Amino acid sequence: MFRLRKQGFLKDAPMNDEKAETSTAAPPDRLSTNPASPFHNAELLERGVGVKFNGVDRNNVEEYCVSEGWVRLAVGKTVDRHGKAMTVKYKGKVEPYLR
């Protein structure tokens, strides 16, 4: 998208401030849904974070790390003896995005 300026065109310039805020805000390198984790961010989770893992949009991600390339996915409705969801760690390409 282009926006006209006196000197010429600006390539990929946002048209309004709202789009500028969402495009500059990036999800963190690591995020967890577990409140006991040091990587838990409740404000960001309320806003909504989506994760594409190996090109597939996943909705059962418990934790992810972009730099290390892994996600923890919940395994069905199975829980451990403490009542937390059982997870499996998968390695691959992780692409988080804000909804």
PDB file of N, CA and C in Angstrom:
ATOM      1  N   MET A   1       0.842  -1.153   0.000  1.00  0.00           N
ATOM      2  CA  MET A   1       0.000   0.000   0.000  1.00  0.00           C
ATOM      3  C   MET A   1       0.892   1.222   0.000  1.00  0.00           C
ATOM      4  N   PHE A   2       0.463   2.257  -0.692  1.00  0.00           N
ATOM      5  CA  PHE A   2       1.250   3.465  -0.823  1.00  0.00           C
ATOM      6  C   PHE A   2       0.472   4.666  -0.316  1.00  0.00           C
ATOM      7  N   ARG A   3       1.201   5.639   0.222  1.00  0.00           N
ATOM      8  CA  ARG A   3       0.578   6.880   0.669  1.00  0.00           C
ATOM      9  C   ARG A   3       1.340   8.031   0.033  1.00  0.00           C
ATOM     10  N   LEU A   4       0.603   8.993  -0.490  1.00  0.00           N
ATOM     11  CA  LEU A   4       1.192  10.120  -1.193  1.00  0.00           C
ATOM     12  C   LEU A   4       1.818  11.099  -0.208  1.00  0.00           C
ATOM     13  N   ARG A   5       2.998  11.576  -0.542  1.00  0.00           N
ATOM     14  CA  ARG A   5       3.701  12.571   0.245  1.00  0.00           C
ATOM     15  C   ARG A   5       4.211  13.635  -0.720  1.00  0.00           C
ATOM     16  N   LYS A   6       4.557  14.815  -0.257  1.00  0.00           N
ATOM     17  CA  LYS A   6       4.995  15.877  -1.158  1.00  0.00           C
ATOM     18  C   LYS A   6       6.179  15.448  -2.016  1.00  0.00           C
ATOM     19  N   GLN A   7       7.183  14.811  -1.422  1.00  0.00           N
ATOM     20  CA  GLN A   7       8.375  14.428  -2.164  1.00  0.00           C
ATOM     21  C   GLN A   7       8.160  13.171  -3.020  1.00  0.00           C
ATOM     22  N   GLY A   8       7.203  12.343  -2.677  1.00  0.00           N
ATOM     23  CA  GLY A   8       7.003  11.120  -3.438  1.00  0.00           C
ATOM     24  C   GLY A   8       6.111  10.155  -2.691  1.00  0.00           C
ATOM     25  N   PHE A   9       6.348   8.863  -2.884  1.00  0.00           N
ATOM     26  CA  PHE A   9       5.535   7.838  -2.259  1.00  0.00           C
ATOM     27  C   PHE A   9       6.281   7.213  -1.089  1.00  0.00           C
ATOM     28  N   LEU A  10       5.516   6.836  -0.070  1.00  0.00           N
ATOM     29  CA  LEU A  10       6.049   6.058   1.043  1.00  0.00           C
ATOM     30  C   LEU A  10       5.538   4.642   0.882  1.00  0.00           C
ATOM     31  N   LYS A  11       6.431   3.697   0.749  1.00  0.00           N
ATOM     32  CA  LYS A  11       6.012   2.314   0.579  1.00  0.00           C
ATOM     33  C   LYS A  11       5.646   1.709   1.928  1.00  0.00           C
ATOM     34  N   ASP A  12       4.543   0.984   1.974  1.00  0.00           N
ATOM     35  CA  ASP A  12       4.064   0.276   3.164  1.00  0.00           C
ATOM     36  C   ASP A  12       3.860   1.184   4.372  1.00  0.00           C
ATOM     37  N   ALA A  13       3.476   2.423   4.160  1.00  0.00           N
ATOM     38  CA  ALA A  13       3.199   3.326   5.277  1.00  0.00           C
ATOM     39  C   ALA A  13       1.761   3.124   5.736  1.00  0.00           C
ATOM     40  N   PRO A  14       1.506   3.035   7.044  1.00  0.00           N
ATOM     41  CA  PRO A  14       0.132   2.861   7.531  1.00  0.00           C
ATOM     42  C   PRO A  14      -0.694   4.117   7.299  1.00  0.00           C
ATOM     43  N   MET A  15      -1.987   3.929   7.066  1.00  0.00           N
ATOM     44  CA  MET A  15      -2.865   5.050   6.770  1.00  0.00           C
ATOM     45  C   MET A  15      -3.343   5.771   8.019  1.00  0.00           C
ATOM     46  N   ASN A  16      -3.445   5.064   9.154  1.00  0.00           N
ATOM     47  CA  ASN A  16      -3.879   5.726  10.381  1.00  0.00           C
ATOM     48  C   ASN A  16      -3.091   5.191  11.567  1.00  0.00           C
ATOM     49  N   ASP A  17      -3.253   5.847  12.720  1.00  0.00           N
ATOM     50  CA  ASP A  17      -2.469   5.491  13.901  1.00  0.00           C
ATOM     51  C   ASP A  17      -2.824   4.116  14.449  1.00  0.00           C
ATOM     52  N   GLU A  18      -4.087   3.702  14.305  1.00  0.00           N
ATOM     53  CA  GLU A  18      -4.509   2.411  14.839  1.00  0.00           C
ATOM     54  C   GLU A  18      -3.747   1.264  14.185  1.00  0.00           C
ATOM     55  N   LYS A  19      -3.599   1.304  12.864  1.00  0.00           N
ATOM     56  CA  LYS A  19      -2.861   0.265  12.166  1.00  0.00           C
ATOM     57  C   LYS A  19      -1.382   0.315  12.530  1.00  0.00           C
ATOM     58  N   ALA A  20      -0.861   1.514  12.778  1.00  0.00           N
ATOM     59  CA  ALA A  20       0.546   1.648  13.135  1.00  0.00           C
ATOM     60  C   ALA A  20       0.829   0.962  14.467  1.00  0.00           C
ATOM     61  N   GLU A  21      -0.078   1.066  15.438  1.00  0.00           N
ATOM     62  CA  GLU A  21       0.120   0.437  16.734  1.00  0.00           C
ATOM     63  C   GLU A  21       0.116  -1.078  16.623  1.00  0.00           C
ATOM     64  N   THR A  22      -0.811  -1.640  15.844  1.00  0.00           N
ATOM     65  CA  THR A  22      -0.894  -3.091  15.747  1.00  0.00           C
ATOM     66  C   THR A  22       0.250  -3.671  14.932  1.00  0.00           C
ATOM     67  N   SER A  23       0.735  -2.932  13.929  1.00  0.00           N
ATOM     68  CA  SER A  23       1.805  -3.473  13.114  1.00  0.00           C
ATOM     69  C   SER A  23       3.153  -3.409  13.836  1.00  0.00           C
ATOM     70  N   THR A  24       3.355  -2.393  14.708  1.00  0.00           N
ATOM     71  CA  THR A  24       4.628  -2.286  15.408  1.00  0.00           C
ATOM     72  C   THR A  24       4.676  -3.192  16.632  1.00  0.00           C
ATOM     73  N   ALA A  25       3.533  -3.505  17.215  1.00  0.00           N
ATOM     74  CA  ALA A  25       3.515  -4.372  18.388  1.00  0.00           C
ATOM     75  C   ALA A  25       3.760  -5.811  17.942  1.00  0.00           C
ATOM     76  N   ALA A  26       4.757  -6.419  18.546  1.00  0.00           N
ATOM     77  CA  ALA A  26       5.083  -7.795  18.191  1.00  0.00           C
ATOM     78  C   ALA A  26       4.949  -8.674  19.431  1.00  0.00           C
ATOM     79  N   PRO A  27       4.487  -9.891  19.260  1.00  0.00           N
ATOM     80  CA  PRO A  27       4.403 -10.797  20.413  1.00  0.00           C
ATOM     81  C   PRO A  27       5.800 -11.128  20.933  1.00  0.00           C
ATOM     82  N   PRO A  28       5.904 -11.490  22.209  1.00  0.00           N
ATOM     83  CA  PRO A  28       7.227 -11.786  22.781  1.00  0.00           C
ATOM     84  C   PRO A  28       7.826 -13.072  22.217  1.00  0.00           C
ATOM     85  N   ASP A  29       9.122 -13.228  22.447  1.00  0.00           N
ATOM     86  CA  ASP A  29       9.833 -14.422  21.975  1.00  0.00           C
ATOM     87  C   ASP A  29       9.309 -15.680  22.660  1.00  0.00           C
ATOM     88  N   ARG A  30       8.909 -15.551  23.925  1.00  0.00           N
ATOM     89  CA  ARG A  30       8.413 -16.713  24.665  1.00  0.00           C
ATOM     90  C   ARG A  30       7.202 -16.303  25.484  1.00  0.00           C
ATOM     91  N   LEU A  31       6.166 -17.132  25.483  1.00  0.00           N
ATOM     92  CA  LEU A  31       4.935 -16.824  26.196  1.00  0.00           C
ATOM     93  C   LEU A  31       4.306 -18.115  26.699  1.00  0.00           C
ATOM     94  N   SER A  32       3.705 -18.042  27.898  1.00  0.00           N
ATOM     95  CA  SER A  32       3.084 -19.209  28.504  1.00  0.00           C
ATOM     96  C   SER A  32       1.702 -18.852  29.027  1.00  0.00           C
ATOM     97  N   THR A  33       0.782 -19.813  28.995  1.00  0.00           N
ATOM     98  CA  THR A  33      -0.559 -19.604  29.548  1.00  0.00           C
ATOM     99  C   THR A  33      -0.621 -19.959  31.028  1.00  0.00           C
ATOM    100  N   ASN A  34       0.417 -20.574  31.570  1.00  0.00           N
ATOM    101  CA  ASN A  34       0.470 -20.977  32.975  1.00  0.00           C
ATOM    102  C   ASN A  34       0.814 -19.764  33.848  1.00  0.00           C
ATOM    103  N   PRO A  35      -0.081 -19.356  34.780  1.00  0.00           N
ATOM    104  CA  PRO A  35       0.192 -18.186  35.621  1.00  0.00           C
ATOM    105  C   PRO A  35       1.423 -18.343  36.519  1.00  0.00           C
ATOM    106  N   ALA A  36       1.860 -19.544  36.818  1.00  0.00           N
ATOM    107  CA  ALA A  36       3.033 -19.764  37.651  1.00  0.00           C
ATOM    108  C   ALA A  36       4.343 -19.595  36.878  1.00  0.00           C
ATOM    109  N   SER A  37       4.274 -19.518  35.566  1.00  0.00           N
ATOM    110  CA  SER A  37       5.467 -19.398  34.736  1.00  0.00           C
ATOM    111  C   SER A  37       5.996 -17.961  34.731  1.00  0.00           C
ATOM    112  N   PRO A  38       7.307 -17.778  34.675  1.00  0.00           N
ATOM    113  CA  PRO A  38       7.856 -16.421  34.568  1.00  0.00           C
ATOM    114  C   PRO A  38       7.591 -15.788  33.201  1.00  0.00           C
ATOM    115  N   PHE A  39       7.148 -16.574  32.221  1.00  0.00           N
ATOM    116  CA  PHE A  39       6.868 -16.078  30.877  1.00  0.00           C
ATOM    117  C   PHE A  39       5.383 -15.807  30.658  1.00  0.00           C
ATOM    118  N   HIS A  40       4.597 -15.801  31.719  1.00  0.00           N
ATOM    119  CA  HIS A  40       3.158 -15.544  31.639  1.00  0.00           C
ATOM    120  C   HIS A  40       2.917 -14.034  31.555  1.00  0.00           C
ATOM    121  N   ASN A  41       2.059 -13.603  30.619  1.00  0.00           N
ATOM    122  CA  ASN A  41       1.687 -12.195  30.465  1.00  0.00           C
ATOM    123  C   ASN A  41       0.175 -12.137  30.285  1.00  0.00           C
ATOM    124  N   ALA A  42      -0.553 -11.844  31.371  1.00  0.00           N
ATOM    125  CA  ALA A  42      -2.013 -11.892  31.350  1.00  0.00           C
ATOM    126  C   ALA A  42      -2.609 -10.841  30.415  1.00  0.00           C
ATOM    127  N   GLU A  43      -2.025  -9.635  30.377  1.00  0.00           N
ATOM    128  CA  GLU A  43      -2.561  -8.570  29.520  1.00  0.00           C
ATOM    129  C   GLU A  43      -2.493  -8.963  28.056  1.00  0.00           C
ATOM    130  N   LEU A  44      -1.383  -9.544  27.657  1.00  0.00           N
ATOM    131  CA  LEU A  44      -1.214  -9.956  26.268  1.00  0.00           C
ATOM    132  C   LEU A  44      -2.134 -11.118  25.916  1.00  0.00           C
ATOM    133  N   LEU A  45      -2.328 -12.043  26.843  1.00  0.00           N
ATOM    134  CA  LEU A  45      -3.216 -13.179  26.592  1.00  0.00           C
ATOM    135  C   LEU A  45      -4.671 -12.737  26.496  1.00  0.00           C
ATOM    136  N   GLU A  46      -5.069 -11.719  27.268  1.00  0.00           N
ATOM    137  CA  GLU A  46      -6.438 -11.197  27.168  1.00  0.00           C
ATOM    138  C   GLU A  46      -6.660 -10.541  25.816  1.00  0.00           C
ATOM    139  N   ARG A  47      -5.645  -9.870  25.315  1.00  0.00           N
ATOM    140  CA  ARG A  47      -5.749  -9.221  24.002  1.00  0.00           C
ATOM    141  C   ARG A  47      -5.917 -10.261  22.895  1.00  0.00           C
ATOM    142  N   GLY A  48      -5.192 -11.355  23.040  1.00  0.00           N
ATOM    143  CA  GLY A  48      -5.306 -12.449  22.074  1.00  0.00           C
ATOM    144  C   GLY A  48      -4.030 -12.654  21.291  1.00  0.00           C
ATOM    145  N   VAL A  49      -3.469 -13.828  21.394  1.00  0.00           N
ATOM    146  CA  VAL A  49      -2.264 -14.194  20.654  1.00  0.00           C
ATOM    147  C   VAL A  49      -2.550 -15.487  19.915  1.00  0.00           C
ATOM    148  N   GLY A  50      -2.269 -15.504  18.639  1.00  0.00           N
ATOM    149  CA  GLY A  50      -2.413 -16.713  17.841  1.00  0.00           C
ATOM    150  C   GLY A  50      -1.034 -17.262  17.503  1.00  0.00           C
ATOM    151  N   VAL A  51      -0.953 -18.555  17.259  1.00  0.00           N
ATOM    152  CA  VAL A  51       0.322 -19.186  16.935  1.00  0.00           C
ATOM    153  C   VAL A  51       0.144 -20.080  15.722  1.00  0.00           C
ATOM    154  N   LYS A  52       0.999 -19.849  14.717  1.00  0.00           N
ATOM    155  CA  LYS A  52       1.078 -20.755  13.579  1.00  0.00           C
ATOM    156  C   LYS A  52       2.296 -21.631  13.805  1.00  0.00           C
ATOM    157  N   PHE A  53       2.072 -22.938  13.802  1.00  0.00           N
ATOM    158  CA  PHE A  53       3.157 -23.888  13.989  1.00  0.00           C
ATOM    159  C   PHE A  53       3.284 -24.718  12.729  1.00  0.00           C
ATOM    160  N   ASN A  54       4.431 -24.627  12.065  1.00  0.00           N
ATOM    161  CA  ASN A  54       4.685 -25.296  10.782  1.00  0.00           C
ATOM    162  C   ASN A  54       3.597 -24.971   9.759  1.00  0.00           C
ATOM    163  N   GLY A  55       3.144 -23.710   9.752  1.00  0.00           N
ATOM    164  CA  GLY A  55       2.165 -23.244   8.776  1.00  0.00           C
ATOM    165  C   GLY A  55       0.722 -23.531   9.131  1.00  0.00           C
ATOM    166  N   VAL A  56       0.447 -24.182  10.270  1.00  0.00           N
ATOM    167  CA  VAL A  56      -0.910 -24.523  10.689  1.00  0.00           C
ATOM    168  C   VAL A  56      -1.272 -23.693  11.918  1.00  0.00           C
ATOM    169  N   ASP A  57      -2.423 -23.022  11.875  1.00  0.00           N
ATOM    170  CA  ASP A  57      -2.877 -22.221  13.006  1.00  0.00           C
ATOM    171  C   ASP A  57      -3.335 -23.165  14.120  1.00  0.00           C
ATOM    172  N   ARG A  58      -2.664 -23.102  15.277  1.00  0.00           N
ATOM    173  CA  ARG A  58      -2.962 -23.993  16.394  1.00  0.00           C
ATOM    174  C   ARG A  58      -3.701 -23.223  17.482  1.00  0.00           C
ATOM    175  N   ASN A  59      -4.685 -23.876  18.108  1.00  0.00           N
ATOM    176  CA  ASN A  59      -5.434 -23.237  19.185  1.00  0.00           C
ATOM    177  C   ASN A  59      -5.240 -23.944  20.526  1.00  0.00           C
ATOM    178  N   ASN A  60      -4.376 -24.933  20.597  1.00  0.00           N
ATOM    179  CA  ASN A  60      -4.140 -25.651  21.851  1.00  0.00           C
ATOM    180  C   ASN A  60      -2.706 -25.481  22.352  1.00  0.00           C
ATOM    181  N   VAL A  61      -2.090 -24.336  22.051  1.00  0.00           N
ATOM    182  CA  VAL A  61      -0.716 -24.063  22.460  1.00  0.00           C
ATOM    183  C   VAL A  61      -0.706 -23.580  23.911  1.00  0.00           C
ATOM    184  N   GLU A  62       0.050 -24.255  24.760  1.00  0.00           N
ATOM    185  CA  GLU A  62       0.188 -23.867  26.165  1.00  0.00           C
ATOM    186  C   GLU A  62       1.378 -22.934  26.357  1.00  0.00           C
ATOM    187  N   GLU A  63       2.432 -23.124  25.577  1.00  0.00           N
ATOM    188  CA  GLU A  63       3.637 -22.301  25.681  1.00  0.00           C
ATOM    189  C   GLU A  63       4.387 -22.393  24.361  1.00  0.00           C
ATOM    190  N   TYR A  64       5.114 -21.315  24.009  1.00  0.00           N
ATOM    191  CA  TYR A  64       5.923 -21.349  22.797  1.00  0.00           C
ATOM    192  C   TYR A  64       7.208 -20.568  23.002  1.00  0.00           C
ATOM    193  N   CYS A  65       8.206 -20.848  22.173  1.00  0.00           N
ATOM    194  CA  CYS A  65       9.465 -20.105  22.144  1.00  0.00           C
ATOM    195  C   CYS A  65       9.893 -20.001  20.684  1.00  0.00           C
ATOM    196  N   VAL A  66       9.952 -18.774  20.172  1.00  0.00           N
ATOM    197  CA  VAL A  66      10.283 -18.556  18.767  1.00  0.00           C
ATOM    198  C   VAL A  66      11.764 -18.812  18.511  1.00  0.00           C
ATOM    199  N   SER A  67      12.644 -18.287  19.365  1.00  0.00           N
ATOM    200  CA  SER A  67      14.083 -18.400  19.123  1.00  0.00           C
ATOM    201  C   SER A  67      14.572 -19.845  19.167  1.00  0.00           C
ATOM    202  N   GLU A  68      13.987 -20.658  20.030  1.00  0.00           N
ATOM    203  CA  GLU A  68      14.386 -22.063  20.117  1.00  0.00           C
ATOM    204  C   GLU A  68      13.562 -22.951  19.190  1.00  0.00           C
ATOM    205  N   GLY A  69      12.447 -22.444  18.655  1.00  0.00           N
ATOM    206  CA  GLY A  69      11.649 -23.178  17.674  1.00  0.00           C
ATOM    207  C   GLY A  69      10.854 -24.337  18.232  1.00  0.00           C
ATOM    208  N   TRP A  70      10.109 -24.119  19.336  1.00  0.00           N
ATOM    209  CA  TRP A  70       9.278 -25.185  19.887  1.00  0.00           C
ATOM    210  C   TRP A  70       7.979 -24.634  20.444  1.00  0.00           C
ATOM    211  N   VAL A  71       7.003 -25.530  20.555  1.00  0.00           N
ATOM    212  CA  VAL A  71       5.719 -25.224  21.195  1.00  0.00           C
ATOM    213  C   VAL A  71       5.360 -26.375  22.120  1.00  0.00           C
ATOM    214  N   ARG A  72       4.596 -26.081  23.153  1.00  0.00           N
ATOM    215  CA  ARG A  72       4.017 -27.112  24.013  1.00  0.00           C
ATOM    216  C   ARG A  72       2.533 -27.143  23.713  1.00  0.00           C
ATOM    217  N   LEU A  73       2.055 -28.291  23.252  1.00  0.00           N
ATOM    218  CA  LEU A  73       0.653 -28.456  22.898  1.00  0.00           C
ATOM    219  C   LEU A  73      -0.040 -29.336  23.929  1.00  0.00           C
ATOM    220  N   ALA A  74      -1.263 -28.945  24.276  1.00  0.00           N
ATOM    221  CA  ALA A  74      -2.061 -29.742  25.200  1.00  0.00           C
ATOM    222  C   ALA A  74      -2.471 -31.039  24.516  1.00  0.00           C
ATOM    223  N   VAL A  75      -2.458 -32.124  25.283  1.00  0.00           N
ATOM    224  CA  VAL A  75      -2.816 -33.441  24.758  1.00  0.00           C
ATOM    225  C   VAL A  75      -4.242 -33.747  25.199  1.00  0.00           C
ATOM    226  N   GLY A  76      -5.192 -33.445  24.365  1.00  0.00           N
ATOM    227  CA  GLY A  76      -6.594 -33.715  24.675  1.00  0.00           C
ATOM    228  C   GLY A  76      -7.037 -33.042  25.956  1.00  0.00           C
ATOM    229  N   LYS A  77      -7.832 -33.738  26.744  1.00  0.00           N
ATOM    230  CA  LYS A  77      -8.300 -33.210  28.024  1.00  0.00           C
ATOM    231  C   LYS A  77      -7.589 -33.879  29.198  1.00  0.00           C
ATOM    232  N   THR A  78      -6.491 -34.560  28.910  1.00  0.00           N
ATOM    233  CA  THR A  78      -5.741 -35.265  29.930  1.00  0.00           C
ATOM    234  C   THR A  78      -5.057 -34.273  30.869  1.00  0.00           C
ATOM    235  N   VAL A  79      -5.132 -34.541  32.176  1.00  0.00           N
ATOM    236  CA  VAL A  79      -4.476 -33.686  33.162  1.00  0.00           C
ATOM    237  C   VAL A  79      -3.555 -34.529  34.034  1.00  0.00           C
ATOM    238  N   ASP A  80      -2.548 -33.868  34.625  1.00  0.00           N
ATOM    239  CA  ASP A  80      -1.646 -34.584  35.534  1.00  0.00           C
ATOM    240  C   ASP A  80      -2.236 -34.612  36.942  1.00  0.00           C
ATOM    241  N   ARG A  81      -1.495 -35.104  37.895  1.00  0.00           N
ATOM    242  CA  ARG A  81      -2.028 -35.248  39.247  1.00  0.00           C
ATOM    243  C   ARG A  81      -2.251 -33.914  39.952  1.00  0.00           C
ATOM    244  N   HIS A  82      -1.692 -32.826  39.396  1.00  0.00           N
ATOM    245  CA  HIS A  82      -1.895 -31.494  39.967  1.00  0.00           C
ATOM    246  C   HIS A  82      -3.022 -30.738  39.274  1.00  0.00           C
ATOM    247  N   GLY A  83      -3.650 -31.350  38.285  1.00  0.00           N
ATOM    248  CA  GLY A  83      -4.755 -30.729  37.569  1.00  0.00           C
ATOM    249  C   GLY A  83      -4.344 -29.871  36.387  1.00  0.00           C
ATOM    250  N   LYS A  84      -3.061 -29.879  36.038  1.00  0.00           N
ATOM    251  CA  LYS A  84      -2.572 -29.116  34.890  1.00  0.00           C
ATOM    252  C   LYS A  84      -2.655 -29.975  33.637  1.00  0.00           C
ATOM    253  N   ALA A  85      -2.854 -29.325  32.500  1.00  0.00           N
ATOM    254  CA  ALA A  85      -2.971 -30.052  31.239  1.00  0.00           C
ATOM    255  C   ALA A  85      -1.666 -30.757  30.892  1.00  0.00           C
ATOM    256  N   MET A  86      -1.776 -31.982  30.406  1.00  0.00           N
ATOM    257  CA  MET A  86      -0.600 -32.712  29.938  1.00  0.00           C
ATOM    258  C   MET A  86      -0.182 -32.099  28.610  1.00  0.00           C
ATOM    259  N   THR A  87       1.122 -31.904  28.430  1.00  0.00           N
ATOM    260  CA  THR A  87       1.618 -31.265  27.215  1.00  0.00           C
ATOM    261  C   THR A  87       2.701 -32.103  26.566  1.00  0.00           C
ATOM    262  N   VAL A  88       2.883 -31.855  25.266  1.00  0.00           N
ATOM    263  CA  VAL A  88       3.934 -32.480  24.489  1.00  0.00           C
ATOM    264  C   VAL A  88       4.691 -31.361  23.790  1.00  0.00           C
ATOM    265  N   LYS A  89       6.014 -31.452  23.790  1.00  0.00           N
ATOM    266  CA  LYS A  89       6.858 -30.426  23.180  1.00  0.00           C
ATOM    267  C   LYS A  89       7.206 -30.842  21.752  1.00  0.00           C
ATOM    268  N   TYR A  90       6.865 -29.962  20.795  1.00  0.00           N
ATOM    269  CA  TYR A  90       7.169 -30.197  19.383  1.00  0.00           C
ATOM    270  C   TYR A  90       8.116 -29.127  18.884  1.00  0.00           C
ATOM    271  N   LYS A  91       9.036 -29.498  17.997  1.00  0.00           N
ATOM    272  CA  LYS A  91       9.972 -28.544  17.413  1.00  0.00           C
ATOM    273  C   LYS A  91       9.576 -28.284  15.973  1.00  0.00           C
ATOM    274  N   GLY A  92       9.715 -27.023  15.564  1.00  0.00           N
ATOM    275  CA  GLY A  92       9.392 -26.630  14.209  1.00  0.00           C
ATOM    276  C   GLY A  92       9.394 -25.121  14.088  1.00  0.00           C
ATOM    277  N   LYS A  93       8.788 -24.610  13.027  1.00  0.00           N
ATOM    278  CA  LYS A  93       8.729 -23.179  12.784  1.00  0.00           C
ATOM    279  C   LYS A  93       7.549 -22.591  13.546  1.00  0.00           C
ATOM    280  N   VAL A  94       7.829 -21.604  14.426  1.00  0.00           N
ATOM    281  CA  VAL A  94       6.808 -20.971  15.271  1.00  0.00           C
ATOM    282  C   VAL A  94       6.607 -19.532  14.802  1.00  0.00           C
ATOM    283  N   GLU A  95       5.349 -19.149  14.528  1.00  0.00           N
ATOM    284  CA  GLU A  95       5.019 -17.803  14.082  1.00  0.00           C
ATOM    285  C   GLU A  95       3.873 -17.241  14.925  1.00  0.00           C
ATOM    286  N   PRO A  96       4.175 -16.521  16.016  1.00  0.00           N
ATOM    287  CA  PRO A  96       3.096 -15.922  16.812  1.00  0.00           C
ATOM    288  C   PRO A  96       2.596 -14.630  16.188  1.00  0.00           C
ATOM    289  N   TYR A  97       1.334 -14.289  16.421  1.00  0.00           N
ATOM    290  CA  TYR A  97       0.765 -13.050  15.920  1.00  0.00           C
ATOM    291  C   TYR A  97      -0.308 -12.570  16.894  1.00  0.00           C
ATOM    292  N   LEU A  98      -0.553 -11.264  16.887  1.00  0.00           N
ATOM    293  CA  LEU A  98      -1.580 -10.683  17.741  1.00  0.00           C
ATOM    294  C   LEU A  98      -2.889 -10.674  16.985  1.00  0.00           C
ATOM    295  N   ARG A  99      -3.960 -11.036  17.665  1.00  0.00           N
ATOM    296  CA  ARG A  99      -5.279 -11.064  17.025  1.00  0.00           C
ATOM    297  C   ARG A  99      -5.947  -9.736  17.143  1.00  0.00           C
TER     298      ARG A  99
END
